[in-house]
Amino acid sequence: MECSVWRHPITFATPPDPNLDPNPAGPADSGLRSRTDSCARVALRQIWHRFADAAAWTLQGLDLELGPGELVGLLGPSGCGKTTLLRLIAGFESPEHGEIELDGRTVARPGRILPPERRGVGMVFQDYALFPHLDAWANTCFGLRGEGHPSGGPWAGGPRAGSPRGGEERARAAWLLELLGLGGLEHRYPHELSGGQRQRLALARALAPGPAVVLLDEPFSNLDVEVRLRLRSELPEVLARCGTSALLVTHDPEEALAICDRVAVLHQGMLQQCATPLDLVQRPATAFVARFVLGALPLPARWRGDQLETALGWLETAPMAGETPMAPGSGSPGRADRSHPAEPGDQRGDHELQVLLRPTDLSFAPKAEPQAPGDGADDEVEVLGREFLGRDWLYLVQHRLGRLRVRQPLSVQLARGERRRLRLASDGEPLLYPDALPLRPCDPGASVPIRG
């Protein structure tokens, strides 16, 4: 079946009924102001929001856009504002400050909000939210209104087949059930479906009206590993075939990096970074992004001349492809003028800095390897455990600074309780914050400053 016929734009209703709006808008201020300079499906402009009687802001000055056909992940720890953001876009909450636009039209701003049912946005909840008394077909068709369909209330039979629009909607519902692997299960009730099938049904119901945007609130969190991996790999194709953009809420960095076109990282209600998965991994803008997304480890460091001294060895600034390092403190996070090696400046005093090490930036020194002068890696670590990652081991070790994680190839076999000297990996790429300055281990043959 040809998919292009299902690429329906959002249909905007007339301004809210004056009887429901205590301050109705005039013709020049309808509350649905158009923007001709943007093609974004969703545009969030300086969103500030907090719940009643709450002292702290849930969202703080957030700006974000979702382009046509994009899948953007909202990533962050619990309580950072991810689900609240979805509720604001869906219309379940109203922002205290800022504006929300759908397809270039303002649907929410302080004192004015377009009701959820008029926004043309689909939503998939973490707990499915299916109607237990309706079968799969009726659940899918619940939000559809064929010609002659009475407004209000569920209609278990779906769109009326006798009307042109009803026939199109029935065909779309059947196509979606088939696309999502639910063909032949139309007459089963939710309790007769598996968890994965129920989540597919919830997605089919959200996509059935042909929304331009679907909001997904941790849709895979209640599924077992095999089903979760299969569904998340299928999601981008399903959205693409439906011509739908989506925002995916998750607290799992691996999930967001695996399937999203861009990932927006939130922390304490603030947007830390929004970038492609590759840029997020290679150039985390803040220390929080490096820690949360990459599992990076904070390591104290101090400048000694032109080099950084750490408990695990010496580091120096590292030019990136097509760039040369900047002086610390001379630019914004993740964006630096790297035209020359860093000169002593505000951060070159004898105060402590923070270097972020990924698990791949560390390695174990062979037992027979002699310790290099000035190495600084004179502390042994004890192996506390390890995780099998398929192609690598992830070791958990106890260092005097705390517990560290070290990613090693399968050829490195260490037992629990074994002691080994830890060092900086020669091919590692640590980062110095707050400027996300790329570093590299000093050449073992290079001279290092004398401590003192």
Protein backbone atom coordinates (compact mmCIF):
# COMPACT_ATOMS: atom_id res chain seq x y z
CA MET A 1 0.00 0.00 0.00
CA GLU A 2 1.35 3.42 -0.93
CA CYS A 3 2.48 5.24 2.19
CA SER A 4 2.53 8.79 0.88
CA VAL A 5 -1.26 9.14 1.17
CA TRP A 6 -0.87 9.03 4.96
CA ARG A 7 1.39 12.06 5.25
CA HIS A 8 -1.28 14.35 6.66
CA PRO A 9 -0.24 17.78 8.02
CA ILE A 10 -1.43 18.97 11.41
CA THR A 11 -4.95 20.39 11.14
CA PHE A 12 -5.40 23.48 13.29
CA ALA A 13 -8.81 24.41 14.58
CA THR A 14 -10.25 27.90 14.87
CA PRO A 15 -9.29 29.91 17.97
CA PRO A 16 -10.62 28.49 21.25
CA ASP A 17 -14.29 28.94 22.01
CA PRO A 18 -14.69 32.35 23.77
CA ASN A 19 -16.96 30.62 26.30
CA LEU A 20 -13.97 28.50 27.36
CA ASP A 21 -11.44 31.32 27.21
CA PRO A 22 -11.84 34.13 29.77
CA ASN A 23 -9.67 36.42 27.61
CA PRO A 24 -10.59 35.65 24.00
CA ALA A 25 -8.15 36.80 21.35
CA GLY A 26 -9.11 39.26 18.68
CA PRO A 27 -8.60 38.75 14.94
CA ALA A 28 -5.07 40.10 15.12
CA ASP A 29 -4.13 38.00 18.15
CA SER A 30 -5.77 34.64 17.86
CA GLY A 31 -3.25 32.71 19.88
CA LEU A 32 -2.29 30.75 16.73
CA ARG A 33 0.31 33.17 15.39
CA SER A 34 2.13 31.92 12.28
CA ARG A 35 5.87 31.94 11.72
CA THR A 36 7.02 32.05 8.13
CA ASP A 37 10.72 31.75 8.95
CA SER A 38 10.68 28.20 10.28
CA CYS A 39 9.84 24.76 8.91
CA ALA A 40 10.19 23.05 12.28
CA ARG A 41 7.45 20.62 13.28
CA VAL A 42 7.93 21.64 16.92
CA ALA A 43 9.62 24.81 18.14
CA LEU A 44 10.10 25.58 21.84
CA ARG A 45 11.04 29.18 22.61
CA GLN A 46 12.46 30.02 26.05
CA ILE A 47 10.26 27.58 27.95
CA TRP A 48 10.11 28.10 31.72
CA HIS A 49 7.81 25.92 33.79
CA ARG A 50 7.27 24.92 37.39
CA PHE A 51 4.44 23.21 39.17
CA ALA A 52 2.12 24.93 41.62
CA ASP A 53 3.70 25.66 45.01
CA ALA A 54 7.11 24.48 43.75
CA ALA A 55 10.08 26.73 44.50
CA ALA A 56 12.38 25.25 41.86
CA TRP A 57 11.87 25.48 38.11
CA THR A 58 11.16 22.18 36.34
CA LEU A 59 12.29 23.64 33.00
CA GLN A 60 14.56 26.65 32.64
CA GLY A 61 14.88 28.73 29.46
CA LEU A 62 14.67 25.75 27.13
CA ASP A 63 14.97 26.25 23.34
CA LEU A 64 14.55 23.26 21.03
CA GLU A 65 13.34 22.51 17.50
CA LEU A 66 12.17 19.28 15.88
CA GLY A 67 12.48 19.19 12.10
CA PRO A 68 10.26 17.35 9.58
CA GLY A 69 10.86 13.61 9.70
CA GLU A 70 13.30 13.91 12.62
CA LEU A 71 13.56 11.56 15.59
CA VAL A 72 15.01 13.53 18.51
CA GLY A 73 15.80 11.91 21.84
CA LEU A 74 15.21 13.68 25.16
CA LEU A 75 17.87 12.19 27.41
CA GLY A 76 18.53 12.81 31.07
CA PRO A 77 18.23 11.40 34.60
CA SER A 78 14.92 11.04 36.41
CA GLY A 79 13.41 14.36 37.42
CA CYS A 80 15.21 16.48 34.82
CA GLY A 81 11.98 17.59 33.09
CA LYS A 82 11.73 15.20 30.11
CA THR A 83 8.15 14.04 30.63
CA THR A 84 7.05 17.54 31.68
CA LEU A 85 8.32 18.81 28.33
CA LEU A 86 6.22 16.24 26.48
CA ARG A 87 3.16 17.21 28.52
CA LEU A 88 3.68 20.86 27.58
CA ILE A 89 3.89 20.02 23.87
CA ALA A 90 0.83 17.76 24.08
CA GLY A 91 -1.16 20.46 25.88
CA PHE A 92 -1.60 18.72 29.23
CA GLU A 93 0.33 21.56 30.90
CA SER A 94 0.79 25.24 30.06
CA PRO A 95 4.23 26.93 30.19
CA GLU A 96 4.69 29.73 32.68
CA HIS A 97 6.94 31.58 30.23
CA GLY A 98 7.83 31.04 26.58
CA GLU A 99 6.03 29.77 23.49
CA ILE A 100 5.37 26.41 21.84
CA GLU A 101 4.85 26.23 18.08
CA LEU A 102 3.61 23.36 15.92
CA ASP A 103 4.20 23.67 12.19
CA GLY A 104 4.93 27.38 12.60
CA ARG A 105 1.81 28.21 14.63
CA THR A 106 1.82 29.16 18.29
CA VAL A 107 -0.27 26.74 20.34
CA ALA A 108 0.84 27.70 23.84
CA ARG A 109 2.06 30.80 25.59
CA PRO A 110 1.34 32.35 29.00
CA GLY A 111 -2.38 32.88 29.41
CA ARG A 112 -3.36 31.03 26.23
CA ILE A 113 -3.31 27.35 25.37
CA LEU A 114 -4.80 25.35 22.51
CA PRO A 115 -6.53 22.21 23.90
CA PRO A 116 -4.72 18.88 23.36
CA GLU A 117 -7.42 17.50 21.06
CA ARG A 118 -6.90 20.41 18.65
CA ARG A 119 -3.12 20.07 18.33
CA GLY A 120 -2.89 17.03 16.09
CA VAL A 121 -0.18 15.42 18.23
CA GLY A 122 0.03 11.70 19.00
CA MET A 123 1.33 10.35 22.29
CA VAL A 124 2.57 6.94 23.40
CA PHE A 125 2.70 6.43 27.16
CA GLN A 126 5.11 4.30 29.18
CA ASP A 127 2.27 2.12 30.50
CA TYR A 128 0.48 1.81 27.08
CA ALA A 129 -2.79 3.42 28.32
CA LEU A 130 -4.91 1.09 26.18
CA PHE A 131 -8.64 0.70 26.71
CA PRO A 132 -9.10 -2.76 28.28
CA HIS A 133 -12.71 -3.10 27.08
CA LEU A 134 -11.80 -2.45 23.41
CA ASP A 135 -10.09 -4.90 21.06
CA ALA A 136 -6.98 -4.04 19.04
CA TRP A 137 -8.99 -2.71 16.09
CA ALA A 138 -11.18 -0.48 18.24
CA ASN A 139 -8.19 0.82 20.18
CA THR A 140 -6.44 1.73 16.93
CA CYS A 141 -9.52 3.51 15.58
CA PHE A 142 -10.41 5.28 18.81
CA GLY A 143 -9.14 8.71 17.74
CA LEU A 144 -10.48 8.56 14.19
CA ARG A 145 -13.58 10.43 13.06
CA GLY A 146 -14.98 9.28 9.76
CA GLU A 147 -17.57 11.32 7.94
CA GLY A 148 -20.85 11.14 9.85
CA HIS A 149 -19.09 9.93 12.99
CA PRO A 150 -20.82 11.35 16.08
CA SER A 151 -18.44 13.59 18.02
CA GLY A 152 -17.42 12.61 21.52
CA GLY A 153 -17.16 9.21 23.16
CA PRO A 154 -15.49 5.99 21.96
CA TRP A 155 -16.89 4.10 19.04
CA ALA A 156 -15.74 0.51 19.12
CA GLY A 157 -16.46 -0.13 15.45
CA GLY A 158 -14.02 2.49 14.19
CA PRO A 159 -14.66 4.85 11.27
CA ARG A 160 -17.82 4.28 9.28
CA ALA A 161 -17.03 2.36 6.14
CA GLY A 162 -19.88 4.01 4.23
CA SER A 163 -18.20 7.44 4.09
CA PRO A 164 -15.20 8.37 1.89
CA ARG A 165 -13.16 9.61 4.84
CA GLY A 166 -14.20 6.63 6.94
CA GLY A 167 -12.98 4.25 4.24
CA GLU A 168 -9.61 6.00 4.09
CA GLU A 169 -9.24 5.89 7.85
CA ARG A 170 -10.15 2.19 8.01
CA ALA A 171 -7.55 1.49 5.34
CA ARG A 172 -4.92 3.45 7.29
CA ALA A 173 -5.74 1.61 10.52
CA ALA A 174 -5.46 -1.76 8.76
CA TRP A 175 -2.16 -0.70 7.15
CA LEU A 176 -0.70 0.39 10.49
CA LEU A 177 -1.65 -2.86 12.24
CA GLU A 178 -0.03 -4.80 9.41
CA LEU A 179 3.06 -2.55 9.43
CA LEU A 180 3.50 -3.05 13.17
CA GLY A 181 3.11 -6.82 13.02
CA LEU A 182 -0.41 -6.96 14.46
CA GLY A 183 -2.18 -8.22 11.37
CA GLY A 184 -4.62 -10.98 12.31
CA LEU A 185 -4.81 -9.79 15.92
CA GLU A 186 -7.44 -7.11 15.36
CA HIS A 187 -10.06 -8.79 17.59
CA ARG A 188 -7.77 -9.51 20.55
CA TYR A 189 -8.11 -7.50 23.72
CA PRO A 190 -5.09 -5.88 25.44
CA HIS A 191 -4.89 -8.61 28.10
CA GLU A 192 -4.59 -11.18 25.29
CA LEU A 193 -1.50 -9.48 23.84
CA SER A 194 2.13 -9.61 24.97
CA GLY A 195 3.91 -6.55 26.31
CA GLY A 196 5.59 -5.90 22.97
CA GLN A 197 2.31 -6.28 21.11
CA ARG A 198 0.57 -3.88 23.49
CA GLN A 199 3.28 -1.27 22.90
CA ARG A 200 2.95 -1.73 19.13
CA LEU A 201 -0.80 -1.26 19.49
CA ALA A 202 -0.28 1.95 21.47
CA LEU A 203 1.98 3.23 18.68
CA ALA A 204 -0.58 2.27 16.02
CA ARG A 205 -3.28 4.20 17.90
CA ALA A 206 -1.04 7.28 18.13
CA LEU A 207 -0.21 7.15 14.40
CA ALA A 208 -3.71 6.35 13.14
CA PRO A 209 -4.96 9.97 12.89
CA GLY A 210 -1.89 10.87 10.78
CA PRO A 211 -0.17 13.29 13.18
CA ALA A 212 2.90 15.20 12.06
CA VAL A 213 4.41 14.71 15.54
CA VAL A 214 4.37 11.77 17.95
CA LEU A 215 5.57 12.03 21.55
CA LEU A 216 7.01 8.85 23.05
CA ASP A 217 7.42 8.71 26.83
CA GLU A 218 9.91 5.90 27.57
CA PRO A 219 7.92 3.45 25.41
CA PHE A 220 10.37 0.57 25.80
CA SER A 221 11.11 0.68 29.52
CA ASN A 222 8.58 -2.02 30.50
CA LEU A 223 9.74 -4.53 27.88
CA ASP A 224 12.24 -7.35 28.17
CA VAL A 225 15.65 -6.88 26.51
CA GLU A 226 15.01 -8.82 23.30
CA VAL A 227 11.65 -7.16 22.59
CA ARG A 228 13.03 -3.73 23.51
CA LEU A 229 15.95 -4.03 21.10
CA ARG A 230 13.70 -5.23 18.29
CA LEU A 231 11.08 -2.51 18.75
CA ARG A 232 13.56 0.33 19.03
CA SER A 233 15.33 -0.79 15.84
CA GLU A 234 11.98 -0.81 14.01
CA LEU A 235 10.79 2.58 15.29
CA PRO A 236 12.75 4.85 12.88
CA GLU A 237 11.50 2.91 9.83
CA VAL A 238 7.87 3.02 11.03
CA LEU A 239 8.05 6.78 11.63
CA ALA A 240 9.71 7.35 8.26
CA ARG A 241 7.06 5.35 6.39
CA CYS A 242 4.35 7.35 8.16
CA GLY A 243 6.05 10.69 7.47
CA THR A 244 6.00 11.52 11.19
CA SER A 245 8.47 13.38 13.39
CA ALA A 246 8.95 12.19 16.96
CA LEU A 247 10.34 13.12 20.36
CA LEU A 248 11.54 10.11 22.34
CA VAL A 249 12.01 10.41 26.11
CA THR A 250 14.56 8.04 27.59
CA HIS A 251 17.08 7.87 30.43
CA ASP A 252 19.17 5.28 28.54
CA PRO A 253 22.10 6.88 26.61
CA GLU A 254 22.63 3.73 24.54
CA GLU A 255 19.01 3.80 23.36
CA ALA A 256 19.12 7.48 22.41
CA LEU A 257 22.45 7.23 20.59
CA ALA A 258 21.38 4.07 18.72
CA ILE A 259 18.29 5.34 16.90
CA CYS A 260 17.91 9.12 17.20
CA ASP A 261 18.90 11.69 14.57
CA ARG A 262 19.75 14.16 17.34
CA VAL A 263 19.87 13.86 21.11
CA ALA A 264 18.96 16.66 23.54
CA VAL A 265 20.52 16.17 26.98
CA LEU A 266 18.66 17.73 29.94
CA HIS A 267 19.90 18.27 33.49
CA GLN A 268 17.97 20.04 36.25
CA GLY A 269 15.56 21.45 33.67
CA MET A 270 18.26 22.98 31.47
CA LEU A 271 19.33 21.90 28.00
CA GLN A 272 22.99 20.91 28.22
CA GLN A 273 23.54 20.01 24.57
CA CYS A 274 21.56 19.04 21.47
CA ALA A 275 23.63 17.34 18.79
CA THR A 276 23.94 14.29 16.58
CA PRO A 277 25.01 11.10 18.36
CA LEU A 278 28.47 11.36 16.77
CA ASP A 279 29.02 14.95 17.91
CA LEU A 280 27.68 14.12 21.36
CA VAL A 281 30.20 11.32 21.76
CA GLN A 282 33.16 13.12 20.22
CA ARG A 283 32.52 16.61 21.63
CA PRO A 284 30.41 16.61 24.80
CA ALA A 285 29.74 20.28 25.58
CA THR A 286 29.66 20.02 29.38
CA ALA A 287 31.10 17.82 32.08
CA PHE A 288 27.60 16.53 32.86
CA VAL A 289 27.11 15.35 29.25
CA ALA A 290 30.46 13.57 29.36
CA ARG A 291 29.59 11.87 32.66
CA PHE A 292 25.97 10.94 31.89
CA VAL A 293 26.22 10.01 28.21
CA LEU A 294 29.72 8.55 28.02
CA GLY A 295 30.19 7.33 31.58
CA ALA A 296 33.25 9.59 31.87
CA LEU A 297 35.11 9.74 35.17
CA PRO A 298 36.14 13.03 36.84
CA LEU A 299 39.86 13.20 37.63
CA PRO A 300 41.53 16.10 39.50
CA ALA A 301 44.34 17.78 37.57
CA ARG A 302 46.74 20.74 37.88
CA TRP A 303 48.77 22.66 35.32
CA ARG A 304 52.51 22.18 35.62
CA GLY A 305 53.96 24.44 32.95
CA ASP A 306 52.37 23.40 29.64
CA GLN A 307 51.28 19.99 30.89
CA LEU A 308 48.58 18.67 33.21
CA GLU A 309 49.48 16.46 36.13
CA THR A 310 46.96 13.82 37.22
CA ALA A 311 47.09 10.86 39.56
CA LEU A 312 47.29 8.59 36.51
CA GLY A 313 49.90 10.41 34.43
CA TRP A 314 50.66 13.54 32.44
CA LEU A 315 48.47 15.10 29.75
CA GLU A 316 48.95 17.78 27.11
CA THR A 317 46.59 19.64 24.78
CA ALA A 318 45.70 17.72 21.62
CA PRO A 319 44.82 19.30 18.23
CA MET A 320 41.60 17.98 16.71
CA ALA A 321 41.14 17.18 13.03
CA GLY A 322 41.32 20.50 11.20
CA GLU A 323 41.74 22.42 14.47
CA THR A 324 44.39 23.36 16.99
CA PRO A 325 43.81 23.74 20.73
CA MET A 326 42.70 26.92 22.46
CA ALA A 327 43.75 28.32 25.77
CA PRO A 328 41.54 27.19 28.63
CA GLY A 329 38.87 29.68 29.55
CA SER A 330 39.04 31.53 26.20
CA GLY A 331 35.85 30.17 24.63
CA SER A 332 32.46 28.64 25.16
CA PRO A 333 31.99 24.95 25.99
CA GLY A 334 32.73 22.68 23.06
CA ARG A 335 33.72 25.56 20.76
CA ALA A 336 37.27 26.77 20.91
CA ASP A 337 39.85 28.79 19.04
CA ARG A 338 42.55 26.15 18.90
CA SER A 339 45.06 28.20 16.93
CA HIS A 340 48.02 27.64 19.28
CA PRO A 341 49.01 25.68 22.38
CA ALA A 342 47.45 27.05 25.52
CA GLU A 343 49.39 29.80 27.24
CA PRO A 344 49.32 30.31 30.99
CA GLY A 345 46.08 32.11 31.86
CA ASP A 346 43.22 32.13 34.29
CA GLN A 347 43.26 28.35 34.67
CA ARG A 348 47.06 27.97 34.77
CA GLY A 349 47.44 28.69 38.46
CA ASP A 350 48.06 26.03 41.04
CA HIS A 351 44.35 25.36 41.53
CA GLU A 352 42.58 22.09 40.84
CA LEU A 353 40.86 21.45 37.50
CA GLN A 354 38.73 18.57 36.27
CA VAL A 355 39.63 16.13 33.52
CA LEU A 356 36.94 13.73 32.27
CA LEU A 357 38.15 10.25 31.31
CA ARG A 358 36.03 7.81 29.32
CA PRO A 359 36.40 4.13 30.24
CA THR A 360 38.35 3.77 26.95
CA ASP A 361 40.87 6.43 28.08
CA LEU A 362 42.31 4.04 30.68
CA SER A 363 44.28 0.82 30.41
CA PHE A 364 46.19 -1.63 32.59
CA ALA A 365 49.98 -1.64 32.52
CA PRO A 366 51.52 -5.07 31.91
CA LYS A 367 52.99 -6.58 35.04
CA ALA A 368 56.51 -6.60 33.59
CA GLU A 369 56.42 -3.00 32.36
CA PRO A 370 58.75 -0.69 34.32
CA GLN A 371 57.32 2.51 35.68
CA ALA A 372 58.32 5.60 33.69
CA PRO A 373 59.95 8.50 35.61
CA GLY A 374 57.37 11.13 36.55
CA ASP A 375 54.65 8.81 35.37
CA GLY A 376 52.40 9.50 38.34
CA ALA A 377 50.74 6.11 37.84
CA ASP A 378 52.30 4.63 40.94
CA ASP A 379 49.01 3.43 42.46
CA GLU A 380 47.84 -0.10 41.99
CA VAL A 381 44.14 -0.79 41.60
CA GLU A 382 42.14 -3.81 42.67
CA VAL A 383 39.71 -5.44 40.26
CA LEU A 384 36.26 -5.52 41.87
CA GLY A 385 34.38 -7.10 38.96
CA ARG A 386 33.79 -7.03 35.23
CA GLU A 387 30.94 -6.95 32.71
CA PHE A 388 30.95 -8.77 29.39
CA LEU A 389 30.00 -6.32 26.60
CA GLY A 390 30.25 -8.69 23.65
CA ARG A 391 33.50 -7.41 22.16
CA ASP A 392 35.03 -5.91 25.30
CA TRP A 393 35.25 -6.20 29.06
CA LEU A 394 34.17 -3.35 31.32
CA TYR A 395 36.23 -3.64 34.50
CA LEU A 396 35.28 -2.00 37.81
CA VAL A 397 38.40 -1.21 39.82
CA GLN A 398 39.11 0.41 43.18
CA HIS A 399 41.54 3.33 43.00
CA ARG A 400 42.56 5.62 45.85
CA LEU A 401 40.41 8.32 44.20
CA GLY A 402 37.38 6.05 44.11
CA ARG A 403 35.86 3.42 41.85
CA LEU A 404 36.79 3.64 38.17
CA ARG A 405 35.59 1.83 35.05
CA VAL A 406 38.05 0.58 32.47
CA ARG A 407 37.06 -0.81 29.07
CA GLN A 408 39.46 -3.41 27.70
CA PRO A 409 39.57 -5.89 24.79
CA LEU A 410 38.67 -9.52 25.44
CA SER A 411 42.37 -10.41 25.35
CA VAL A 412 42.81 -8.66 28.71
CA GLN A 413 41.72 -11.27 31.25
CA LEU A 414 41.81 -10.15 34.89
CA ALA A 415 40.20 -11.94 37.81
CA ARG A 416 38.29 -10.38 40.68
CA GLY A 417 40.75 -9.39 43.42
CA GLU A 418 43.72 -9.12 41.05
CA ARG A 419 45.90 -6.02 41.42
CA ARG A 420 47.34 -4.12 38.49
CA ARG A 421 48.83 -0.69 37.81
CA LEU A 422 46.49 1.68 35.96
CA ARG A 423 47.65 4.16 33.33
CA LEU A 424 46.33 6.49 30.66
CA ALA A 425 45.67 4.72 27.36
CA SER A 426 48.04 5.90 24.62
CA ASP A 427 45.12 6.38 22.21
CA GLY A 428 42.83 7.97 24.81
CA GLU A 429 41.07 11.32 24.30
CA PRO A 430 40.43 12.90 27.73
CA LEU A 431 38.68 16.27 27.96
CA LEU A 432 39.43 19.25 30.20
CA TYR A 433 36.39 21.19 31.45
CA PRO A 434 34.71 23.69 31.45
CA ASP A 435 36.00 24.30 27.88
CA ALA A 436 35.86 20.67 26.63
CA LEU A 437 39.53 21.05 25.69
CA PRO A 438 40.81 17.83 24.06
CA LEU A 439 43.88 16.27 25.68
CA ARG A 440 46.24 13.40 25.02
CA PRO A 441 48.75 11.50 27.13
CA CYS A 442 52.26 12.91 27.00
CA ASP A 443 54.84 11.01 24.98
CA PRO A 444 56.50 8.53 27.38
CA GLY A 445 59.88 9.83 26.21
CA ALA A 446 59.03 13.48 26.77
CA SER A 447 60.33 15.38 29.75
CA VAL A 448 57.83 16.32 32.41
CA PRO A 449 57.97 19.17 34.92
CA ILE A 450 59.62 18.42 38.24
CA ARG A 451 57.16 18.44 41.09
CA GLY A 452 57.76 20.70 43.92
